[in-house]
Amino acid sequence: MKFTAPLIEGKILRRYKRFFTDVELPSGEVVVAHTPNTGSMKTCLAPGMTGLLSPKTNPERKLPFTLEMTGNGKTLIGVNTSMTNYWVEEALKNKKIKELAQYSEIKREHKINAKSRIDFLLEGANLPHCLLEIKNVTLREENGQASFPDAVTERGQKHLQELMTWVREGKMAAMLYVIPREDVDSFGPADNIDPVYGKLLREAKESGVLILAYQCHLTKDEIAVKKALPLTF
């Protein structure tokens, strides 16, 4: 997915109140950037890192910029989790996710019960309907593994349980971990952060939920889902 306008580069000073990040521009001006990411942002945002900002396009928005990516000197990292499903939708349409390339119809925000929605429902001729849930992965372990989650996630636990229920009913379900950083070489659960999630992920894999991890290629102009990474669990 290409950015519609050139990103503005600055230096990250601090993140606060979860959704605000102070960024110093090359002119010396300090601006507040909206930070659409509910995680801890461990290993992907820290003072001194590069911040790449998109200017606001909606005049009714209060903050003038959105934090799209950070940089640690080795890789850019996509931190705007509100955009992850757009990267995935583009990849699905372009048949970049080979395990799901046979599906021709893509439906967003599929309601599976009165309280829950799953990111995508995939359909195709003579194929079982497939529920697809997406997670953005920015946490990097010291050994180079990308891990999820970066904070305890009861919502994420619930999604795994819902996918397992779908599979037990004889249908197909997949969990796709999207990794928008290029300094990692594998994927696994962050058991030290959320052991319950790690246990459920293993159960989901054993029960028949398709577990996928795909890494993105990132430039200052574009973020695109690129290649599958091996699982370590």
Protein backbone atom coordinates (compact mmCIF):
# COMPACT_ATOMS: atom_id res chain seq x y z
CA MET A 1 0.00 0.00 0.00
CA LYS A 2 1.50 3.29 -1.10
CA PHE A 3 1.16 6.42 1.00
CA THR A 4 -0.89 9.11 -0.69
CA ALA A 5 1.46 11.90 0.41
CA PRO A 6 5.17 11.98 1.31
CA LEU A 7 5.85 11.13 4.94
CA ILE A 8 7.53 13.68 7.18
CA GLU A 9 10.57 12.49 9.11
CA GLY A 10 11.40 13.52 12.66
CA LYS A 11 12.88 12.30 15.93
CA ILE A 12 10.68 10.64 18.53
CA LEU A 13 10.79 12.32 21.94
CA ARG A 14 8.15 10.47 23.96
CA ARG A 15 4.86 8.59 23.85
CA TYR A 16 2.16 9.38 26.42
CA LYS A 17 -1.53 8.79 27.09
CA ARG A 18 -1.11 5.79 24.77
CA PHE A 19 -2.20 7.58 21.61
CA PHE A 20 0.09 10.64 21.61
CA THR A 21 3.74 10.88 20.54
CA ASP A 22 5.88 14.00 20.58
CA VAL A 23 8.10 14.20 17.50
CA GLU A 24 10.79 16.80 16.81
CA LEU A 25 10.89 17.90 13.17
CA PRO A 26 14.14 18.88 11.40
CA SER A 27 13.18 22.54 11.90
CA GLY A 28 13.24 22.02 15.66
CA GLU A 29 9.47 22.28 15.97
CA VAL A 30 7.87 19.67 18.24
CA VAL A 31 4.54 18.28 17.05
CA VAL A 32 2.07 15.83 18.58
CA ALA A 33 1.30 12.83 16.37
CA HIS A 34 -1.71 10.56 16.76
CA THR A 35 -0.41 7.05 17.48
CA PRO A 36 -3.01 4.41 16.52
CA ASN A 37 -1.58 1.48 18.43
CA THR A 38 -3.02 0.00 21.64
CA GLY A 39 -0.02 -2.21 22.45
CA SER A 40 2.97 -1.49 24.65
CA MET A 41 5.06 -0.76 21.51
CA LYS A 42 8.04 -2.44 23.15
CA THR A 43 11.03 -2.58 20.73
CA CYS A 44 9.27 -0.43 18.13
CA LEU A 45 9.04 3.00 19.76
CA ALA A 46 11.54 4.73 22.01
CA PRO A 47 13.01 8.22 22.43
CA GLY A 48 15.60 8.94 19.76
CA MET A 49 14.12 6.64 17.13
CA THR A 50 13.02 8.00 13.77
CA GLY A 51 9.33 8.79 13.38
CA LEU A 52 7.65 9.00 9.98
CA LEU A 53 4.44 11.04 9.98
CA SER A 54 1.57 11.42 7.55
CA PRO A 55 -0.19 14.80 7.47
CA LYS A 56 -3.88 14.84 8.32
CA THR A 57 -6.33 14.74 5.44
CA ASN A 58 -9.47 15.25 7.51
CA PRO A 59 -9.80 18.92 8.52
CA GLU A 60 -11.96 17.94 11.50
CA ARG A 61 -9.12 16.00 13.13
CA LYS A 62 -7.43 17.83 15.98
CA LEU A 63 -3.90 16.42 15.65
CA PRO A 64 -2.00 17.43 12.50
CA PHE A 65 -0.06 14.18 12.02
CA THR A 66 -0.33 10.39 12.36
CA LEU A 67 2.67 8.24 13.29
CA GLU A 68 2.89 5.67 10.48
CA MET A 69 6.34 4.16 10.98
CA THR A 70 9.33 4.26 13.25
CA GLY A 71 12.94 3.46 12.45
CA ASN A 72 15.68 1.94 14.59
CA GLY A 73 18.59 2.36 12.17
CA LYS A 74 18.22 -1.18 10.81
CA THR A 75 14.61 -1.30 9.67
CA LEU A 76 11.45 0.72 9.37
CA ILE A 77 8.57 -0.54 11.52
CA GLY A 78 4.90 -0.09 10.67
CA VAL A 79 3.13 0.99 13.87
CA ASN A 80 -0.23 2.28 12.60
CA THR A 81 -2.34 -0.77 13.39
CA SER A 82 -5.45 0.83 11.87
CA MET A 83 -3.85 0.25 8.46
CA THR A 84 -2.90 -3.42 8.83
CA ASN A 85 -6.11 -4.77 7.32
CA TYR A 86 -5.63 -2.55 4.28
CA TRP A 87 -2.18 -4.09 3.70
CA VAL A 88 -3.73 -7.54 4.01
CA GLU A 89 -6.67 -6.80 1.73
CA GLU A 90 -4.27 -5.59 -0.95
CA ALA A 91 -2.15 -8.73 -0.53
CA LEU A 92 -5.20 -10.99 -0.75
CA LYS A 93 -6.40 -9.31 -3.92
CA ASN A 94 -2.93 -9.61 -5.46
CA LYS A 95 -2.64 -13.29 -4.42
CA LYS A 96 0.47 -12.59 -2.32
CA ILE A 97 -0.64 -14.91 0.51
CA LYS A 98 -0.24 -18.24 -1.26
CA GLU A 99 -2.12 -20.31 1.31
CA LEU A 100 -5.26 -18.24 0.68
CA ALA A 101 -4.76 -17.39 -2.99
CA GLN A 102 -7.61 -19.67 -4.12
CA TYR A 103 -10.23 -17.42 -2.51
CA SER A 104 -11.83 -14.87 -4.83
CA GLU A 105 -14.23 -12.99 -2.55
CA ILE A 106 -13.07 -10.89 0.38
CA LYS A 107 -15.53 -9.50 2.92
CA ARG A 108 -14.40 -7.13 5.70
CA GLU A 109 -15.58 -7.13 9.32
CA HIS A 110 -17.64 -10.33 9.25
CA LYS A 111 -20.07 -10.65 12.16
CA ILE A 112 -19.93 -14.14 13.67
CA ASN A 113 -22.28 -13.58 16.61
CA ALA A 114 -24.07 -10.80 18.48
CA LYS A 115 -20.86 -9.58 20.11
CA SER A 116 -17.99 -10.43 17.80
CA ARG A 117 -16.62 -9.66 14.37
CA ILE A 118 -13.70 -11.27 12.56
CA ASP A 119 -11.52 -9.20 10.23
CA PHE A 120 -12.29 -11.07 7.00
CA LEU A 121 -14.57 -13.74 5.57
CA LEU A 122 -13.09 -15.36 2.46
CA GLU A 123 -15.22 -17.19 -0.08
CA GLY A 124 -14.56 -19.03 -3.32
CA ALA A 125 -16.22 -21.49 -5.67
CA ASN A 126 -16.27 -25.01 -4.19
CA LEU A 127 -14.26 -23.84 -1.17
CA PRO A 128 -15.21 -23.77 2.51
CA HIS A 129 -15.83 -20.31 3.90
CA CYS A 130 -12.71 -19.16 5.75
CA LEU A 131 -12.63 -16.80 8.73
CA LEU A 132 -9.43 -14.76 8.77
CA GLU A 133 -8.24 -12.78 11.78
CA ILE A 134 -5.30 -10.36 11.50
CA LYS A 135 -2.74 -9.27 14.10
CA ASN A 136 -0.03 -6.64 13.68
CA VAL A 137 3.28 -7.84 15.14
CA THR A 138 5.98 -5.30 16.06
CA LEU A 139 7.69 -6.98 19.02
CA ARG A 140 11.22 -8.28 18.34
CA GLU A 141 12.94 -10.73 20.67
CA GLU A 142 16.71 -10.65 21.22
CA ASN A 143 17.10 -13.80 19.11
CA GLY A 144 15.51 -12.12 16.09
CA GLN A 145 12.07 -13.67 16.49
CA ALA A 146 8.94 -11.60 15.96
CA SER A 147 6.50 -12.28 18.81
CA PHE A 148 2.89 -11.56 19.69
CA PRO A 149 1.45 -10.08 21.83
CA ASP A 150 3.48 -7.23 23.34
CA ALA A 151 0.96 -6.93 26.21
CA VAL A 152 -1.64 -9.24 27.72
CA THR A 153 -4.59 -9.42 25.34
CA GLU A 154 -7.87 -10.89 26.48
CA ARG A 155 -9.40 -9.79 23.18
CA GLY A 156 -6.76 -11.75 21.30
CA GLN A 157 -7.42 -14.79 23.44
CA LYS A 158 -11.12 -14.54 22.60
CA HIS A 159 -10.38 -14.39 18.88
CA LEU A 160 -8.38 -17.63 19.04
CA GLN A 161 -11.21 -19.35 20.89
CA GLU A 162 -13.71 -18.16 18.28
CA LEU A 163 -11.57 -19.47 15.43
CA MET A 164 -11.28 -22.85 17.15
CA THR A 165 -15.05 -23.02 17.56
CA TRP A 166 -15.48 -22.30 13.85
CA VAL A 167 -13.06 -25.13 12.96
CA ARG A 168 -14.79 -27.57 15.30
CA GLU A 169 -17.96 -26.93 13.30
CA GLY A 170 -16.20 -28.29 10.22
CA LYS A 171 -15.31 -24.93 8.68
CA MET A 172 -11.98 -23.25 7.89
CA ALA A 173 -10.26 -20.54 9.91
CA ALA A 174 -6.90 -18.80 9.70
CA MET A 175 -4.87 -16.47 11.90
CA LEU A 176 -2.49 -14.20 10.02
CA TYR A 177 0.31 -12.42 11.87
CA VAL A 178 1.52 -9.45 9.83
CA ILE A 179 5.07 -8.37 10.69
CA PRO A 180 5.89 -4.85 9.44
CA ARG A 181 9.61 -4.90 10.23
CA GLU A 182 12.53 -6.48 8.37
CA ASP A 183 14.97 -7.27 11.17
CA VAL A 184 13.26 -10.54 12.20
CA ASP A 185 13.40 -14.01 10.68
CA SER A 186 10.69 -16.10 12.40
CA PHE A 187 7.50 -15.86 14.44
CA GLY A 188 6.30 -17.29 17.74
CA PRO A 189 4.10 -16.44 20.72
CA ALA A 190 5.39 -14.12 23.47
CA ASP A 191 4.92 -16.66 26.25
CA ASN A 192 6.77 -14.48 28.76
CA ILE A 193 4.23 -11.68 28.25
CA ASP A 194 0.94 -13.58 27.84
CA PRO A 195 1.29 -17.31 28.57
CA VAL A 196 -2.46 -17.84 28.21
CA TYR A 197 -2.32 -16.51 24.66
CA GLY A 198 0.64 -18.75 23.87
CA LYS A 199 -1.22 -21.80 25.18
CA LEU A 200 -4.31 -20.94 23.13
CA LEU A 201 -2.27 -20.35 19.99
CA ARG A 202 -0.76 -23.82 20.26
CA GLU A 203 -4.22 -25.28 20.84
CA ALA A 204 -5.53 -23.42 17.81
CA LYS A 205 -2.74 -24.75 15.62
CA GLU A 206 -3.32 -28.29 16.88
CA SER A 207 -7.08 -28.01 16.33
CA GLY A 208 -6.66 -27.11 12.66
CA VAL A 209 -6.66 -23.32 12.60
CA LEU A 210 -4.25 -22.27 9.86
CA ILE A 211 -1.49 -20.16 11.44
CA LEU A 212 0.39 -17.85 9.07
CA ALA A 213 3.12 -15.25 9.60
CA TYR A 214 3.98 -12.85 6.79
CA GLN A 215 6.65 -10.17 6.80
CA CYS A 216 6.26 -6.79 5.10
CA HIS A 217 8.68 -4.85 2.95
CA LEU A 218 8.82 -1.22 4.04
CA THR A 219 10.03 1.98 2.41
CA LYS A 220 9.23 5.60 3.08
CA ASP A 221 6.69 5.36 0.26
CA GLU A 222 5.02 2.00 0.78
CA ILE A 223 4.28 -0.94 3.10
CA ALA A 224 3.53 -4.24 1.37
CA VAL A 225 3.04 -7.80 2.62
CA LYS A 226 5.96 -9.72 1.09
CA LYS A 227 6.89 -13.19 2.33
CA ALA A 228 6.04 -15.96 4.79
CA LEU A 229 8.21 -16.47 7.88
CA PRO A 230 8.69 -19.82 9.64
CA LEU A 231 6.86 -20.55 12.88
CA THR A 232 8.89 -21.50 15.95
CA PHE A 233 6.25 -23.34 17.96
